Amino acid sequence: MTQQSLTASRKLHPRFTPVVFAFYMSGIMAFLICMVVTAANRGFSDQYFLQVLNAYKLAMPVAFVCVMIVRPLVVKLVSWTVQQG
């Protein structure tokens, strides 16, 4: 088996695209927001990164569920807003 076929066999089926998108989007956005909110509320200290990670433990699952729930509405809003080409 070639390296390329091994890599392809580890990938998820395309039907999982919306879930994978929501996972990455919520993970990145939740982390960035936790960084900003932690800095705004507590400032930068020696414990800053630990505080960010503690906030992220709650924010990531909440953000993922929210993205999964809101995604159909956002897709519809985009289709109403963007001209099909």
PDB file of N, CA and C in Angstrom:
ATOM      1  N   MET A   1       0.838  -1.169   0.000  1.00  0.00           N
ATOM      2  CA  MET A   1       0.000   0.000   0.000  1.00  0.00           C
ATOM      3  C   MET A   1       0.890   1.241   0.000  1.00  0.00           C
ATOM      4  N   THR A   2       0.565   2.207  -0.831  1.00  0.00           N
ATOM      5  CA  THR A   2       1.388   3.412  -0.925  1.00  0.00           C
ATOM      6  C   THR A   2       1.028   4.392   0.186  1.00  0.00           C
ATOM      7  N   GLN A   3       1.915   5.356   0.401  1.00  0.00           N
ATOM      8  CA  GLN A   3       1.682   6.384   1.420  1.00  0.00           C
ATOM      9  C   GLN A   3       0.411   7.171   1.102  1.00  0.00           C
ATOM     10  N   GLN A   4       0.189   7.449  -0.175  1.00  0.00           N
ATOM     11  CA  GLN A   4      -0.990   8.215  -0.581  1.00  0.00           C
ATOM     12  C   GLN A   4      -2.281   7.446  -0.274  1.00  0.00           C
ATOM     13  N   SER A   5      -2.303   6.148  -0.538  1.00  0.00           N
ATOM     14  CA  SER A   5      -3.506   5.367  -0.258  1.00  0.00           C
ATOM     15  C   SER A   5      -3.711   5.197   1.243  1.00  0.00           C
ATOM     16  N   LEU A   6      -2.626   5.131   2.030  1.00  0.00           N
ATOM     17  CA  LEU A   6      -2.755   5.074   3.481  1.00  0.00           C
ATOM     18  C   LEU A   6      -3.369   6.360   4.025  1.00  0.00           C
ATOM     19  N   THR A   7      -2.916   7.497   3.508  1.00  0.00           N
ATOM     20  CA  THR A   7      -3.454   8.779   3.938  1.00  0.00           C
ATOM     21  C   THR A   7      -4.920   8.895   3.560  1.00  0.00           C
ATOM     22  N   ALA A   8      -5.267   8.497   2.349  1.00  0.00           N
ATOM     23  CA  ALA A   8      -6.654   8.572   1.898  1.00  0.00           C
ATOM     24  C   ALA A   8      -7.555   7.653   2.722  1.00  0.00           C
ATOM     25  N   SER A   9      -7.058   6.499   3.134  1.00  0.00           N
ATOM     26  CA  SER A   9      -7.882   5.561   3.896  1.00  0.00           C
ATOM     27  C   SER A   9      -8.164   6.059   5.313  1.00  0.00           C
ATOM     28  N   ARG A  10      -7.386   7.000   5.807  1.00  0.00           N
ATOM     29  CA  ARG A  10      -7.590   7.563   7.141  1.00  0.00           C
ATOM     30  C   ARG A  10      -8.576   8.733   7.135  1.00  0.00           C
ATOM     31  N   LYS A  11      -8.946   9.192   5.978  1.00  0.00           N
ATOM     32  CA  LYS A  11      -9.837  10.337   5.889  1.00  0.00           C
ATOM     33  C   LYS A  11     -11.291   9.908   6.051  1.00  0.00           C
ATOM     34  N   LEU A  12     -12.092  10.824   6.563  1.00  0.00           N
ATOM     35  CA  LEU A  12     -13.513  10.558   6.740  1.00  0.00           C
ATOM     36  C   LEU A  12     -14.249  10.666   5.413  1.00  0.00           C
ATOM     37  N   HIS A  13     -15.403  10.046   5.365  1.00  0.00           N
ATOM     38  CA  HIS A  13     -16.258  10.102   4.181  1.00  0.00           C
ATOM     39  C   HIS A  13     -16.764  11.543   4.006  1.00  0.00           C
ATOM     40  N   PRO A  14     -16.947  11.999   2.775  1.00  0.00           N
ATOM     41  CA  PRO A  14     -17.408  13.372   2.528  1.00  0.00           C
ATOM     42  C   PRO A  14     -18.720  13.736   3.235  1.00  0.00           C
ATOM     43  N   ARG A  15     -19.558  12.768   3.567  1.00  0.00           N
ATOM     44  CA  ARG A  15     -20.824  13.089   4.245  1.00  0.00           C
ATOM     45  C   ARG A  15     -20.594  13.700   5.628  1.00  0.00           C
ATOM     46  N   PHE A  16     -19.398  13.535   6.171  1.00  0.00           N
ATOM     47  CA  PHE A  16     -19.075  14.105   7.472  1.00  0.00           C
ATOM     48  C   PHE A  16     -18.546  15.537   7.389  1.00  0.00           C
ATOM     49  N   THR A  17     -18.499  16.104   6.194  1.00  0.00           N
ATOM     50  CA  THR A  17     -17.955  17.449   5.992  1.00  0.00           C
ATOM     51  C   THR A  17     -18.596  18.492   6.906  1.00  0.00           C
ATOM     52  N   PRO A  18     -19.932  18.558   7.021  1.00  0.00           N
ATOM     53  CA  PRO A  18     -20.509  19.578   7.909  1.00  0.00           C
ATOM     54  C   PRO A  18     -20.096  19.430   9.372  1.00  0.00           C
ATOM     55  N   VAL A  19     -19.976  18.215   9.839  1.00  0.00           N
ATOM     56  CA  VAL A  19     -19.590  17.981  11.235  1.00  0.00           C
ATOM     57  C   VAL A  19     -18.122  18.348  11.456  1.00  0.00           C
ATOM     58  N   VAL A  20     -17.266  17.958  10.523  1.00  0.00           N
ATOM     59  CA  VAL A  20     -15.841  18.278  10.641  1.00  0.00           C
ATOM     60  C   VAL A  20     -15.637  19.786  10.556  1.00  0.00           C
ATOM     61  N   PHE A  21     -16.362  20.439   9.642  1.00  0.00           N
ATOM     62  CA  PHE A  21     -16.283  21.896   9.537  1.00  0.00           C
ATOM     63  C   PHE A  21     -16.691  22.534  10.862  1.00  0.00           C
ATOM     64  N   ALA A  22     -17.808  22.087  11.428  1.00  0.00           N
ATOM     65  CA  ALA A  22     -18.288  22.646  12.689  1.00  0.00           C
ATOM     66  C   ALA A  22     -17.288  22.411  13.816  1.00  0.00           C
ATOM     67  N   PHE A  23     -16.657  21.240  13.824  1.00  0.00           N
ATOM     68  CA  PHE A  23     -15.675  20.927  14.857  1.00  0.00           C
ATOM     69  C   PHE A  23     -14.475  21.876  14.790  1.00  0.00           C
ATOM     70  N   TYR A  24     -13.906  22.027  13.594  1.00  0.00           N
ATOM     71  CA  TYR A  24     -12.746  22.917  13.448  1.00  0.00           C
ATOM     72  C   TYR A  24     -13.123  24.372  13.696  1.00  0.00           C
ATOM     73  N   MET A  25     -14.246  24.805  13.121  1.00  0.00           N
ATOM     74  CA  MET A  25     -14.662  26.199  13.278  1.00  0.00           C
ATOM     75  C   MET A  25     -14.924  26.525  14.745  1.00  0.00           C
ATOM     76  N   SER A  26     -15.674  25.678  15.424  1.00  0.00           N
ATOM     77  CA  SER A  26     -15.981  25.951  16.824  1.00  0.00           C
ATOM     78  C   SER A  26     -14.730  25.868  17.690  1.00  0.00           C
ATOM     79  N   GLY A  27     -13.859  24.933  17.394  1.00  0.00           N
ATOM     80  CA  GLY A  27     -12.630  24.806  18.178  1.00  0.00           C
ATOM     81  C   GLY A  27     -11.740  26.020  18.078  1.00  0.00           C
ATOM     82  N   ILE A  28     -11.538  26.511  16.867  1.00  0.00           N
ATOM     83  CA  ILE A  28     -10.680  27.676  16.656  1.00  0.00           C
ATOM     84  C   ILE A  28     -11.324  28.930  17.229  1.00  0.00           C
ATOM     85  N   MET A  29     -12.599  29.138  16.924  1.00  0.00           N
ATOM     86  CA  MET A  29     -13.278  30.340  17.402  1.00  0.00           C
ATOM     87  C   MET A  29     -13.384  30.355  18.927  1.00  0.00           C
ATOM     88  N   ALA A  30     -13.726  29.235  19.536  1.00  0.00           N
ATOM     89  CA  ALA A  30     -13.836  29.184  20.994  1.00  0.00           C
ATOM     90  C   ALA A  30     -12.493  29.489  21.651  1.00  0.00           C
ATOM     91  N   PHE A  31     -11.414  28.959  21.088  1.00  0.00           N
ATOM     92  CA  PHE A  31     -10.091  29.212  21.664  1.00  0.00           C
ATOM     93  C   PHE A  31      -9.717  30.687  21.566  1.00  0.00           C
ATOM     94  N   LEU A  32      -9.943  31.284  20.398  1.00  0.00           N
ATOM     95  CA  LEU A  32      -9.619  32.702  20.222  1.00  0.00           C
ATOM     96  C   LEU A  32     -10.461  33.581  21.152  1.00  0.00           C
ATOM     97  N   ILE A  33     -11.738  33.273  21.260  1.00  0.00           N
ATOM     98  CA  ILE A  33     -12.603  34.057  22.134  1.00  0.00           C
ATOM     99  C   ILE A  33     -12.198  33.879  23.595  1.00  0.00           C
ATOM    100  N   CYS A  34     -11.856  32.658  23.993  1.00  0.00           N
ATOM    101  CA  CYS A  34     -11.389  32.434  25.366  1.00  0.00           C
ATOM    102  C   CYS A  34     -10.131  33.242  25.655  1.00  0.00           C
ATOM    103  N   MET A  35      -9.244  33.333  24.688  1.00  0.00           N
ATOM    104  CA  MET A  35      -8.027  34.119  24.873  1.00  0.00           C
ATOM    105  C   MET A  35      -8.360  35.595  25.100  1.00  0.00           C
ATOM    106  N   VAL A  36      -9.246  36.130  24.280  1.00  0.00           N
ATOM    107  CA  VAL A  36      -9.599  37.552  24.379  1.00  0.00           C
ATOM    108  C   VAL A  36     -10.363  37.838  25.665  1.00  0.00           C
ATOM    109  N   VAL A  37     -11.363  37.025  25.968  1.00  0.00           N
ATOM    110  CA  VAL A  37     -12.185  37.278  27.160  1.00  0.00           C
ATOM    111  C   VAL A  37     -11.366  37.101  28.441  1.00  0.00           C
ATOM    112  N   THR A  38     -10.508  36.099  28.472  1.00  0.00           N
ATOM    113  CA  THR A  38      -9.653  35.906  29.644  1.00  0.00           C
ATOM    114  C   THR A  38      -8.725  37.096  29.835  1.00  0.00           C
ATOM    115  N   ALA A  39      -8.132  37.572  28.762  1.00  0.00           N
ATOM    116  CA  ALA A  39      -7.249  38.745  28.860  1.00  0.00           C
ATOM    117  C   ALA A  39      -8.031  39.975  29.304  1.00  0.00           C
ATOM    118  N   ALA A  40      -9.238  40.154  28.775  1.00  0.00           N
ATOM    119  CA  ALA A  40     -10.047  41.322  29.138  1.00  0.00           C
ATOM    120  C   ALA A  40     -10.494  41.277  30.600  1.00  0.00           C
ATOM    121  N   ASN A  41     -10.849  40.087  31.074  1.00  0.00           N
ATOM    122  CA  ASN A  41     -11.358  39.969  32.444  1.00  0.00           C
ATOM    123  C   ASN A  41     -10.279  39.854  33.503  1.00  0.00           C
ATOM    124  N   ARG A  42      -9.203  39.180  33.175  1.00  0.00           N
ATOM    125  CA  ARG A  42      -8.189  38.884  34.204  1.00  0.00           C
ATOM    126  C   ARG A  42      -6.809  39.436  33.878  1.00  0.00           C
ATOM    127  N   GLY A  43      -6.630  39.922  32.671  1.00  0.00           N
ATOM    128  CA  GLY A  43      -5.316  40.418  32.270  1.00  0.00           C
ATOM    129  C   GLY A  43      -4.365  39.266  31.985  1.00  0.00           C
ATOM    130  N   PHE A  44      -3.130  39.620  31.718  1.00  0.00           N
ATOM    131  CA  PHE A  44      -2.102  38.617  31.437  1.00  0.00           C
ATOM    132  C   PHE A  44      -1.303  38.356  32.707  1.00  0.00           C
ATOM    133  N   SER A  45      -1.279  37.107  33.122  1.00  0.00           N
ATOM    134  CA  SER A  45      -0.514  36.729  34.312  1.00  0.00           C
ATOM    135  C   SER A  45       0.229  35.434  34.009  1.00  0.00           C
ATOM    136  N   ASP A  46       0.903  34.919  35.018  1.00  0.00           N
ATOM    137  CA  ASP A  46       1.591  33.639  34.860  1.00  0.00           C
ATOM    138  C   ASP A  46       0.597  32.506  34.608  1.00  0.00           C
ATOM    139  N   GLN A  47      -0.632  32.680  35.056  1.00  0.00           N
ATOM    140  CA  GLN A  47      -1.671  31.662  34.922  1.00  0.00           C
ATOM    141  C   GLN A  47      -2.558  31.874  33.697  1.00  0.00           C
ATOM    142  N   TYR A  48      -2.210  32.826  32.850  1.00  0.00           N
ATOM    143  CA  TYR A  48      -3.066  33.187  31.713  1.00  0.00           C
ATOM    144  C   TYR A  48      -3.432  31.971  30.854  1.00  0.00           C
ATOM    145  N   PHE A  49      -2.443  31.232  30.408  1.00  0.00           N
ATOM    146  CA  PHE A  49      -2.717  30.118  29.501  1.00  0.00           C
ATOM    147  C   PHE A  49      -3.555  29.040  30.184  1.00  0.00           C
ATOM    148  N   LEU A  50      -3.311  28.777  31.445  1.00  0.00           N
ATOM    149  CA  LEU A  50      -4.105  27.805  32.196  1.00  0.00           C
ATOM    150  C   LEU A  50      -5.554  28.279  32.326  1.00  0.00           C
ATOM    151  N   GLN A  51      -5.735  29.575  32.573  1.00  0.00           N
ATOM    152  CA  GLN A  51      -7.080  30.134  32.651  1.00  0.00           C
ATOM    153  C   GLN A  51      -7.798  30.029  31.306  1.00  0.00           C
ATOM    154  N   VAL A  52      -7.076  30.266  30.215  1.00  0.00           N
ATOM    155  CA  VAL A  52      -7.657  30.129  28.879  1.00  0.00           C
ATOM    156  C   VAL A  52      -8.107  28.682  28.655  1.00  0.00           C
ATOM    157  N   LEU A  53      -7.266  27.731  28.990  1.00  0.00           N
ATOM    158  CA  LEU A  53      -7.614  26.323  28.793  1.00  0.00           C
ATOM    159  C   LEU A  53      -8.805  25.902  29.660  1.00  0.00           C
ATOM    160  N   ASN A  54      -8.885  26.427  30.875  1.00  0.00           N
ATOM    161  CA  ASN A  54     -10.030  26.120  31.733  1.00  0.00           C
ATOM    162  C   ASN A  54     -11.324  26.665  31.138  1.00  0.00           C
ATOM    163  N   ALA A  55     -11.277  27.863  30.598  1.00  0.00           N
ATOM    164  CA  ALA A  55     -12.454  28.430  29.937  1.00  0.00           C
ATOM    165  C   ALA A  55     -12.791  27.635  28.673  1.00  0.00           C
ATOM    166  N   TYR A  56     -11.770  27.202  27.962  1.00  0.00           N
ATOM    167  CA  TYR A  56     -11.954  26.468  26.705  1.00  0.00           C
ATOM    168  C   TYR A  56     -12.651  25.124  26.922  1.00  0.00           C
ATOM    169  N   LYS A  57     -12.410  24.493  28.059  1.00  0.00           N
ATOM    170  CA  LYS A  57     -13.048  23.202  28.356  1.00  0.00           C
ATOM    171  C   LYS A  57     -14.567  23.310  28.314  1.00  0.00           C
ATOM    172  N   LEU A  58     -15.101  24.446  28.715  1.00  0.00           N
ATOM    173  CA  LEU A  58     -16.542  24.660  28.651  1.00  0.00           C
ATOM    174  C   LEU A  58     -16.951  25.246  27.298  1.00  0.00           C
ATOM    175  N   ALA A  59     -16.169  26.184  26.796  1.00  0.00           N
ATOM    176  CA  ALA A  59     -16.555  26.918  25.588  1.00  0.00           C
ATOM    177  C   ALA A  59     -16.566  26.046  24.332  1.00  0.00           C
ATOM    178  N   MET A  60     -15.635  25.129  24.200  1.00  0.00           N
ATOM    179  CA  MET A  60     -15.540  24.332  22.976  1.00  0.00           C
ATOM    180  C   MET A  60     -16.778  23.460  22.747  1.00  0.00           C
ATOM    181  N   PRO A  61     -17.195  22.653  23.704  1.00  0.00           N
ATOM    182  CA  PRO A  61     -18.401  21.849  23.446  1.00  0.00           C
ATOM    183  C   PRO A  61     -19.645  22.701  23.200  1.00  0.00           C
ATOM    184  N   VAL A  62     -19.768  23.805  23.938  1.00  0.00           N
ATOM    185  CA  VAL A  62     -20.912  24.691  23.737  1.00  0.00           C
ATOM    186  C   VAL A  62     -20.875  25.285  22.337  1.00  0.00           C
ATOM    187  N   ALA A  63     -19.706  25.738  21.912  1.00  0.00           N
ATOM    188  CA  ALA A  63     -19.579  26.317  20.578  1.00  0.00           C
ATOM    189  C   ALA A  63     -19.874  25.279  19.497  1.00  0.00           C
ATOM    190  N   PHE A  64     -19.420  24.053  19.685  1.00  0.00           N
ATOM    191  CA  PHE A  64     -19.665  23.000  18.692  1.00  0.00           C
ATOM    192  C   PHE A  64     -21.161  22.736  18.543  1.00  0.00           C
ATOM    193  N   VAL A  65     -21.846  22.601  19.654  1.00  0.00           N
ATOM    194  CA  VAL A  65     -23.292  22.359  19.605  1.00  0.00           C
ATOM    195  C   VAL A  65     -23.998  23.544  18.949  1.00  0.00           C
ATOM    196  N   CYS A  66     -23.582  24.750  19.299  1.00  0.00           N
ATOM    197  CA  CYS A  66     -24.195  25.939  18.699  1.00  0.00           C
ATOM    198  C   CYS A  66     -23.985  25.986  17.194  1.00  0.00           C
ATOM    199  N   VAL A  67     -22.786  25.689  16.739  1.00  0.00           N
ATOM    200  CA  VAL A  67     -22.522  25.691  15.294  1.00  0.00           C
ATOM    201  C   VAL A  67     -23.376  24.631  14.603  1.00  0.00           C
ATOM    202  N   MET A  68     -23.501  23.467  15.201  1.00  0.00           N
ATOM    203  CA  MET A  68     -24.314  22.411  14.593  1.00  0.00           C
ATOM    204  C   MET A  68     -25.785  22.812  14.514  1.00  0.00           C
ATOM    205  N   ILE A  69     -26.273  23.513  15.525  1.00  0.00           N
ATOM    206  CA  ILE A  69     -27.679  23.933  15.542  1.00  0.00           C
ATOM    207  C   ILE A  69     -27.922  25.091  14.578  1.00  0.00           C
ATOM    208  N   VAL A  70     -27.003  26.047  14.553  1.00  0.00           N
ATOM    209  CA  VAL A  70     -27.192  27.275  13.775  1.00  0.00           C
ATOM    210  C   VAL A  70     -26.825  27.095  12.304  1.00  0.00           C
ATOM    211  N   ARG A  71     -26.034  26.093  11.971  1.00  0.00           N
ATOM    212  CA  ARG A  71     -25.547  25.909  10.598  1.00  0.00           C
ATOM    213  C   ARG A  71     -26.653  25.921   9.543  1.00  0.00           C
ATOM    214  N   PRO A  72     -27.753  25.185   9.714  1.00  0.00           N
ATOM    215  CA  PRO A  72     -28.794  25.225   8.673  1.00  0.00           C
ATOM    216  C   PRO A  72     -29.365  26.626   8.445  1.00  0.00           C
ATOM    217  N   LEU A  73     -29.539  27.384   9.518  1.00  0.00           N
ATOM    218  CA  LEU A  73     -30.019  28.758   9.376  1.00  0.00           C
ATOM    219  C   LEU A  73     -29.006  29.614   8.622  1.00  0.00           C
ATOM    220  N   VAL A  74     -27.733  29.468   8.945  1.00  0.00           N
ATOM    221  CA  VAL A  74     -26.695  30.249   8.287  1.00  0.00           C
ATOM    222  C   VAL A  74     -26.624  29.898   6.799  1.00  0.00           C
ATOM    223  N   VAL A  75     -26.731  28.624   6.468  1.00  0.00           N
ATOM    224  CA  VAL A  75     -26.718  28.219   5.057  1.00  0.00           C
ATOM    225  C   VAL A  75     -27.878  28.880   4.315  1.00  0.00           C
ATOM    226  N   LYS A  76     -29.040  28.910   4.922  1.00  0.00           N
ATOM    227  CA  LYS A  76     -30.212  29.537   4.302  1.00  0.00           C
ATOM    228  C   LYS A  76     -29.998  31.044   4.150  1.00  0.00           C
ATOM    229  N   LEU A  77     -29.488  31.699   5.188  1.00  0.00           N
ATOM    230  CA  LEU A  77     -29.216  33.139   5.105  1.00  0.00           C
ATOM    231  C   LEU A  77     -28.206  33.465   4.012  1.00  0.00           C
ATOM    232  N   VAL A  78     -27.180  32.639   3.903  1.00  0.00           N
ATOM    233  CA  VAL A  78     -26.180  32.839   2.849  1.00  0.00           C
ATOM    234  C   VAL A  78     -26.815  32.678   1.476  1.00  0.00           C
ATOM    235  N   SER A  79     -27.678  31.684   1.323  1.00  0.00           N
ATOM    236  CA  SER A  79     -28.310  31.493   0.018  1.00  0.00           C
ATOM    237  C   SER A  79     -29.231  32.645  -0.342  1.00  0.00           C
ATOM    238  N   TRP A  80     -29.842  33.289   0.675  1.00  0.00           N
ATOM    239  CA  TRP A  80     -30.682  34.460   0.416  1.00  0.00           C
ATOM    240  C   TRP A  80     -29.851  35.698   0.113  1.00  0.00           C
ATOM    241  N   THR A  81     -28.605  35.712   0.569  1.00  0.00           N
ATOM    242  CA  THR A  81     -27.761  36.911   0.485  1.00  0.00           C
ATOM    243  C   THR A  81     -26.813  36.887  -0.712  1.00  0.00           C
ATOM    244  N   VAL A  82     -26.314  35.713  -1.059  1.00  0.00           N
ATOM    245  CA  VAL A  82     -25.283  35.607  -2.090  1.00  0.00           C
ATOM    246  C   VAL A  82     -25.899  35.081  -3.391  1.00  0.00           C
ATOM    247  N   GLN A  83     -25.590  35.778  -4.451  1.00  0.00           N
ATOM    248  CA  GLN A  83     -26.091  35.382  -5.761  1.00  0.00           C
ATOM    249  C   GLN A  83     -25.439  34.076  -6.211  1.00  0.00           C
ATOM    250  N   GLN A  84     -26.268  33.167  -6.702  1.00  0.00           N
ATOM    251  CA  GLN A  84     -25.745  31.882  -7.169  1.00  0.00           C
ATOM    252  C   GLN A  84     -25.043  32.078  -8.514  1.00  0.00           C
ATOM    253  N   GLY A  85     -23.857  31.565  -8.629  1.00  0.00           N
ATOM    254  CA  GLY A  85     -23.096  31.794  -9.862  1.00  0.00           C
ATOM    255  C   GLY A  85     -22.704  30.570 -10.472  1.00  0.00           C
TER     256      GLY A  85
END
